[in-house]
Structures are given as C-alpha cells and as structure tokens.
Amino acid sequence: MAFYQLNTTQKLPASIHQVWDFISSPINLKEITPEHMGFRVTGNTGLEKMYPGMIISYKVSPLFGIKLDWMTEITQVKELEYFVDEQRIGPYTMWHHQHKIEPIEGGVLMTDIVTYQPPLGFLGAIANSLIIKKQLKEIFDYRTVALEKRFGKYAG
C-alpha cells in the first residue's frame, strides 16, 4: 500500500500570534476550503482552545457532491509552533497533517505536511494519480489565496 505526501509552504506578513490564532481555530477551516467542497464543521467549532485529544468533526463533499463525515483528532500541539491532526473517520485509510509556523523576517513561514494513504489499495493508488493528488493541490492553492486575502501578500 502506497503512502503519499504533500508539502506546501507560504510566507505571510503577519505576527506569529495572528497566524496561530487563525489556523488553530477549527471554525476558520471553512474560510480556507473551496466552497464547492461543502465543508462544514459539525463538532468542536473553535470556541475553545485547541488541545491534544480534541476531536473535530466535519461534513465535506470531496467528490461528485457526495457528503461524507470526517473526524480528526488533534494529536499534538506546541503553541505558536505546530499542531498535528489525524483522521479518525473519513475518506482516507490514513491522514496525518502537520501544521507548522515559524517567525521569519517580515512575517511567518507556514508549512503544511500532509501524509496520506487513499483507500482501496491499488485502486486508491490509481485514484491518487488521476484525482486525489490534483484535488489536494487545488485545495492548498485555494488556501494560499484565502490566507493572502486575510493577511496580505508577503513582500519580503
């Protein structure tokens, strides 16, 4: 069974506190997810501080408008540095997403590392080549634009 990884980075002209406050609140996920995915947080909507063990549930329509339940657990948190979410229920056999931020001159460097395994063995590998990898890239491209709208474009 194959595993895949998506790595993205983005520089934002904001303080580490501003970026952390935004990315560590589950309610803000809707703002940085393409509208066509029908993303909606259904549990733990960011009204409390993120902590290891926090369970967050969503509804999402990744393909063909089919609504799916997705549940992630926040497994690690180091305030103002990183957090990790792992899928507990959802469309992937395995999903591990590291969200890292670090101060840089003029702002913050944000790094996302998503390690995942599609379901269905070799059929999932084919789906990854044809659909999943492209769709994940499109989601993170959308996220880049949405975060630039919120924080501005990094000039450094």
C-alpha atoms as a PDB file:
ATOM      1  CA  MET A   1       0.000   0.000   0.000  1.00  0.00           C
ATOM      2  CA  ALA A   2       1.408   3.333  -1.080  1.00  0.00           C
ATOM      3  CA  PHE A   3       1.687   6.425   1.065  1.00  0.00           C
ATOM      4  CA  TYR A   4       1.852   9.912  -0.380  1.00  0.00           C
ATOM      5  CA  GLN A   5       2.958  13.265   0.923  1.00  0.00           C
ATOM      6  CA  LEU A   6       2.070  16.835   0.044  1.00  0.00           C
ATOM      7  CA  ASN A   7       4.379  19.599   1.296  1.00  0.00           C
ATOM      8  CA  THR A   8       3.459  23.261   0.992  1.00  0.00           C
ATOM      9  CA  THR A   9       4.928  26.471   2.350  1.00  0.00           C
ATOM     10  CA  GLN A  10       3.601  30.001   2.453  1.00  0.00           C
ATOM     11  CA  LYS A  11       5.005  33.240   3.809  1.00  0.00           C
ATOM     12  CA  LEU A  12       2.533  35.599   5.457  1.00  0.00           C
ATOM     13  CA  PRO A  13       3.097  39.231   6.517  1.00  0.00           C
ATOM     14  CA  ALA A  14       1.595  38.771   9.976  1.00  0.00           C
ATOM     15  CA  SER A  15       2.679  38.068  13.522  1.00  0.00           C
ATOM     16  CA  ILE A  16       3.101  34.540  14.803  1.00  0.00           C
ATOM     17  CA  HIS A  17       0.197  35.198  17.222  1.00  0.00           C
ATOM     18  CA  GLN A  18      -2.150  36.327  14.437  1.00  0.00           C
ATOM     19  CA  VAL A  19      -1.394  33.303  12.277  1.00  0.00           C
ATOM     20  CA  TRP A  20      -1.596  30.866  15.206  1.00  0.00           C
ATOM     21  CA  ASP A  21      -4.905  32.281  16.412  1.00  0.00           C
ATOM     22  CA  PHE A  22      -6.353  31.828  12.935  1.00  0.00           C
ATOM     23  CA  ILE A  23      -5.023  28.388  11.972  1.00  0.00           C
ATOM     24  CA  SER A  24      -5.598  26.793  15.367  1.00  0.00           C
ATOM     25  CA  SER A  25      -9.323  27.583  15.365  1.00  0.00           C
ATOM     26  CA  PRO A  26     -11.398  24.874  13.609  1.00  0.00           C
ATOM     27  CA  ILE A  27     -14.139  27.341  12.669  1.00  0.00           C
ATOM     28  CA  ASN A  28     -11.704  29.080  10.286  1.00  0.00           C
ATOM     29  CA  LEU A  29     -11.258  25.953   8.160  1.00  0.00           C
ATOM     30  CA  LYS A  30     -14.384  26.841   6.175  1.00  0.00           C
ATOM     31  CA  GLU A  31     -12.807  30.152   5.123  1.00  0.00           C
ATOM     32  CA  ILE A  32      -9.774  28.421   3.604  1.00  0.00           C
ATOM     33  CA  THR A  33     -11.598  25.489   1.953  1.00  0.00           C
ATOM     34  CA  PRO A  34     -13.094  25.779  -1.552  1.00  0.00           C
ATOM     35  CA  GLU A  35     -16.837  26.386  -1.403  1.00  0.00           C
ATOM     36  CA  HIS A  36     -17.616  23.550  -3.852  1.00  0.00           C
ATOM     37  CA  MET A  37     -16.455  21.061  -1.195  1.00  0.00           C
ATOM     38  CA  GLY A  38     -19.428  21.904   1.029  1.00  0.00           C
ATOM     39  CA  PHE A  39     -17.156  21.952   4.075  1.00  0.00           C
ATOM     40  CA  ARG A  40     -18.892  22.422   7.417  1.00  0.00           C
ATOM     41  CA  VAL A  41     -17.561  21.934  10.947  1.00  0.00           C
ATOM     42  CA  THR A  42     -20.162  19.950  12.895  1.00  0.00           C
ATOM     43  CA  GLY A  43     -18.406  19.499  16.237  1.00  0.00           C
ATOM     44  CA  ASN A  44     -15.819  21.500  18.237  1.00  0.00           C
ATOM     45  CA  THR A  45     -16.208  24.698  16.270  1.00  0.00           C
ATOM     46  CA  GLY A  46     -13.257  26.524  17.732  1.00  0.00           C
ATOM     47  CA  LEU A  47     -14.939  28.070  20.717  1.00  0.00           C
ATOM     48  CA  GLU A  48     -12.356  26.549  22.994  1.00  0.00           C
ATOM     49  CA  LYS A  49      -8.582  26.440  22.838  1.00  0.00           C
ATOM     50  CA  MET A  50      -7.114  23.592  20.796  1.00  0.00           C
ATOM     51  CA  TYR A  51      -5.601  20.777  22.864  1.00  0.00           C
ATOM     52  CA  PRO A  52      -4.186  17.277  22.275  1.00  0.00           C
ATOM     53  CA  GLY A  53      -7.067  14.822  22.180  1.00  0.00           C
ATOM     54  CA  MET A  54      -9.558  17.359  20.796  1.00  0.00           C
ATOM     55  CA  ILE A  55     -11.949  15.694  18.346  1.00  0.00           C
ATOM     56  CA  ILE A  56     -13.299  17.822  15.482  1.00  0.00           C
ATOM     57  CA  SER A  57     -15.995  16.570  13.116  1.00  0.00           C
ATOM     58  CA  TYR A  58     -16.917  17.873   9.671  1.00  0.00           C
ATOM     59  CA  LYS A  59     -19.158  17.292   6.700  1.00  0.00           C
ATOM     60  CA  VAL A  60     -17.377  17.500   3.362  1.00  0.00           C
ATOM     61  CA  SER A  61     -18.146  16.645  -0.274  1.00  0.00           C
ATOM     62  CA  PRO A  62     -14.771  15.904  -1.872  1.00  0.00           C
ATOM     63  CA  LEU A  63     -16.069  14.123  -4.998  1.00  0.00           C
ATOM     64  CA  PHE A  64     -19.233  14.280  -7.069  1.00  0.00           C
ATOM     65  CA  GLY A  65     -21.161  16.121  -4.323  1.00  0.00           C
ATOM     66  CA  ILE A  66     -21.219  13.011  -2.111  1.00  0.00           C
ATOM     67  CA  LYS A  67     -21.406  14.146   1.519  1.00  0.00           C
ATOM     68  CA  LEU A  68     -19.005  12.421   3.890  1.00  0.00           C
ATOM     69  CA  ASP A  69     -18.391  12.557   7.609  1.00  0.00           C
ATOM     70  CA  TRP A  70     -14.817  13.355   8.551  1.00  0.00           C
ATOM     71  CA  MET A  71     -13.482  13.287  12.088  1.00  0.00           C
ATOM     72  CA  THR A  72      -9.983  14.312  13.103  1.00  0.00           C
ATOM     73  CA  GLU A  73      -8.143  14.246  16.388  1.00  0.00           C
ATOM     74  CA  ILE A  74      -5.617  16.888  17.366  1.00  0.00           C
ATOM     75  CA  THR A  75      -2.795  14.621  18.490  1.00  0.00           C
ATOM     76  CA  GLN A  76      -0.028  17.147  19.186  1.00  0.00           C
ATOM     77  CA  VAL A  77       0.074  20.859  19.961  1.00  0.00           C
ATOM     78  CA  LYS A  78       3.023  23.110  20.667  1.00  0.00           C
ATOM     79  CA  GLU A  79       1.536  26.585  20.933  1.00  0.00           C
ATOM     80  CA  LEU A  80       2.843  29.099  18.402  1.00  0.00           C
ATOM     81  CA  GLU A  81       4.861  26.355  16.641  1.00  0.00           C
ATOM     82  CA  TYR A  82       2.785  23.434  15.366  1.00  0.00           C
ATOM     83  CA  PHE A  83      -0.147  21.116  15.707  1.00  0.00           C
ATOM     84  CA  VAL A  84      -0.988  17.771  14.148  1.00  0.00           C
ATOM     85  CA  ASP A  85      -4.380  16.463  13.126  1.00  0.00           C
ATOM     86  CA  GLU A  86      -5.022  12.830  12.284  1.00  0.00           C
ATOM     87  CA  GLN A  87      -8.119  11.386  10.653  1.00  0.00           C
ATOM     88  CA  ARG A  88     -10.167   9.063  12.831  1.00  0.00           C
ATOM     89  CA  ILE A  89     -13.170   8.694  10.472  1.00  0.00           C
ATOM     90  CA  GLY A  90     -13.138   9.764   6.849  1.00  0.00           C
ATOM     91  CA  PRO A  91     -12.267   9.096   3.244  1.00  0.00           C
ATOM     92  CA  TYR A  92      -8.607   8.098   3.708  1.00  0.00           C
ATOM     93  CA  THR A  93      -7.069   4.930   5.063  1.00  0.00           C
ATOM     94  CA  MET A  94      -4.540   7.218   6.784  1.00  0.00           C
ATOM     95  CA  TRP A  95      -4.311  11.020   7.110  1.00  0.00           C
ATOM     96  CA  HIS A  96      -1.663  12.856   9.149  1.00  0.00           C
ATOM     97  CA  HIS A  97      -1.429  16.641   8.748  1.00  0.00           C
ATOM     98  CA  GLN A  98       1.329  18.715  10.355  1.00  0.00           C
ATOM     99  CA  HIS A  99       0.694  22.472  10.549  1.00  0.00           C
ATOM    100  CA  LYS A 100       3.924  24.313  11.374  1.00  0.00           C
ATOM    101  CA  ILE A 101       4.627  28.022  11.719  1.00  0.00           C
ATOM    102  CA  GLU A 102       7.816  29.896  12.444  1.00  0.00           C
ATOM    103  CA  PRO A 103       8.738  33.560  12.571  1.00  0.00           C
ATOM    104  CA  ILE A 104      10.748  34.940   9.667  1.00  0.00           C
ATOM    105  CA  GLU A 105      11.821  38.448   8.796  1.00  0.00           C
ATOM    106  CA  GLY A 106       8.658  40.370   7.969  1.00  0.00           C
ATOM    107  CA  GLY A 107       6.207  37.670   8.968  1.00  0.00           C
ATOM    108  CA  VAL A 108       5.616  33.962   9.355  1.00  0.00           C
ATOM    109  CA  LEU A 109       6.562  30.886   7.349  1.00  0.00           C
ATOM    110  CA  MET A 110       3.741  28.377   7.385  1.00  0.00           C
ATOM    111  CA  THR A 111       4.478  24.769   6.390  1.00  0.00           C
ATOM    112  CA  ASP A 112       1.900  22.034   5.857  1.00  0.00           C
ATOM    113  CA  ILE A 113       2.974  18.411   5.558  1.00  0.00           C
ATOM    114  CA  VAL A 114       0.157  16.024   4.692  1.00  0.00           C
ATOM    115  CA  THR A 115       0.933  12.303   4.689  1.00  0.00           C
ATOM    116  CA  TYR A 116      -1.947  10.188   3.465  1.00  0.00           C
ATOM    117  CA  GLN A 117      -2.984   6.832   2.114  1.00  0.00           C
ATOM    118  CA  PRO A 118      -6.043   6.560  -0.108  1.00  0.00           C
ATOM    119  CA  PRO A 119      -8.442   3.670   0.484  1.00  0.00           C
ATOM    120  CA  LEU A 120      -8.848   0.619  -1.765  1.00  0.00           C
ATOM    121  CA  GLY A 121      -5.218  -0.421  -2.242  1.00  0.00           C
ATOM    122  CA  PHE A 122      -4.105  -0.291  -5.881  1.00  0.00           C
ATOM    123  CA  LEU A 123      -7.415   1.344  -6.915  1.00  0.00           C
ATOM    124  CA  GLY A 124      -6.637   4.108  -4.410  1.00  0.00           C
ATOM    125  CA  ALA A 125      -3.182   4.489  -5.965  1.00  0.00           C
ATOM    126  CA  ILE A 126      -4.799   4.951  -9.373  1.00  0.00           C
ATOM    127  CA  ALA A 127      -7.331   7.399  -7.891  1.00  0.00           C
ATOM    128  CA  ASN A 128      -4.443   9.313  -6.313  1.00  0.00           C
ATOM    129  CA  SER A 129      -2.700   9.646  -9.683  1.00  0.00           C
ATOM    130  CA  LEU A 130      -5.869  10.689 -11.502  1.00  0.00           C
ATOM    131  CA  ILE A 131      -7.810  12.718  -8.908  1.00  0.00           C
ATOM    132  CA  ILE A 132      -6.697  12.906  -5.269  1.00  0.00           C
ATOM    133  CA  LYS A 133      -3.206  14.417  -5.679  1.00  0.00           C
ATOM    134  CA  LYS A 134      -4.578  17.095  -8.042  1.00  0.00           C
ATOM    135  CA  GLN A 135      -7.522  17.867  -5.760  1.00  0.00           C
ATOM    136  CA  LEU A 136      -5.291  18.250  -2.689  1.00  0.00           C
ATOM    137  CA  LYS A 137      -3.039  20.627  -4.616  1.00  0.00           C
ATOM    138  CA  GLU A 138      -6.098  22.667  -5.676  1.00  0.00           C
ATOM    139  CA  ILE A 139      -7.290  22.842  -2.049  1.00  0.00           C
ATOM    140  CA  PHE A 140      -3.915  24.133  -0.868  1.00  0.00           C
ATOM    141  CA  ASP A 141      -3.701  26.559  -3.814  1.00  0.00           C
ATOM    142  CA  TYR A 142      -7.094  27.901  -2.734  1.00  0.00           C
ATOM    143  CA  ARG A 143      -5.836  28.100   0.859  1.00  0.00           C
ATOM    144  CA  THR A 144      -2.836  30.171  -0.291  1.00  0.00           C
ATOM    145  CA  VAL A 145      -5.123  32.728  -1.929  1.00  0.00           C
ATOM    146  CA  ALA A 146      -7.551  32.779   1.022  1.00  0.00           C
ATOM    147  CA  LEU A 147      -4.722  33.379   3.514  1.00  0.00           C
ATOM    148  CA  GLU A 148      -3.307  36.171   1.327  1.00  0.00           C
ATOM    149  CA  LYS A 149      -6.758  37.800   1.365  1.00  0.00           C
ATOM    150  CA  ARG A 150      -6.805  37.584   5.157  1.00  0.00           C
ATOM    151  CA  PHE A 151      -3.197  38.553   5.964  1.00  0.00           C
ATOM    152  CA  GLY A 152      -1.899  40.180   2.774  1.00  0.00           C
ATOM    153  CA  LYS A 153       0.788  39.178   0.335  1.00  0.00           C
ATOM    154  CA  TYR A 154       4.291  38.663   1.686  1.00  0.00           C
ATOM    155  CA  ALA A 155       6.633  41.231   0.156  1.00  0.00           C
ATOM    156  CA  GLY A 156       9.946  40.056   1.608  1.00  0.00           C
END
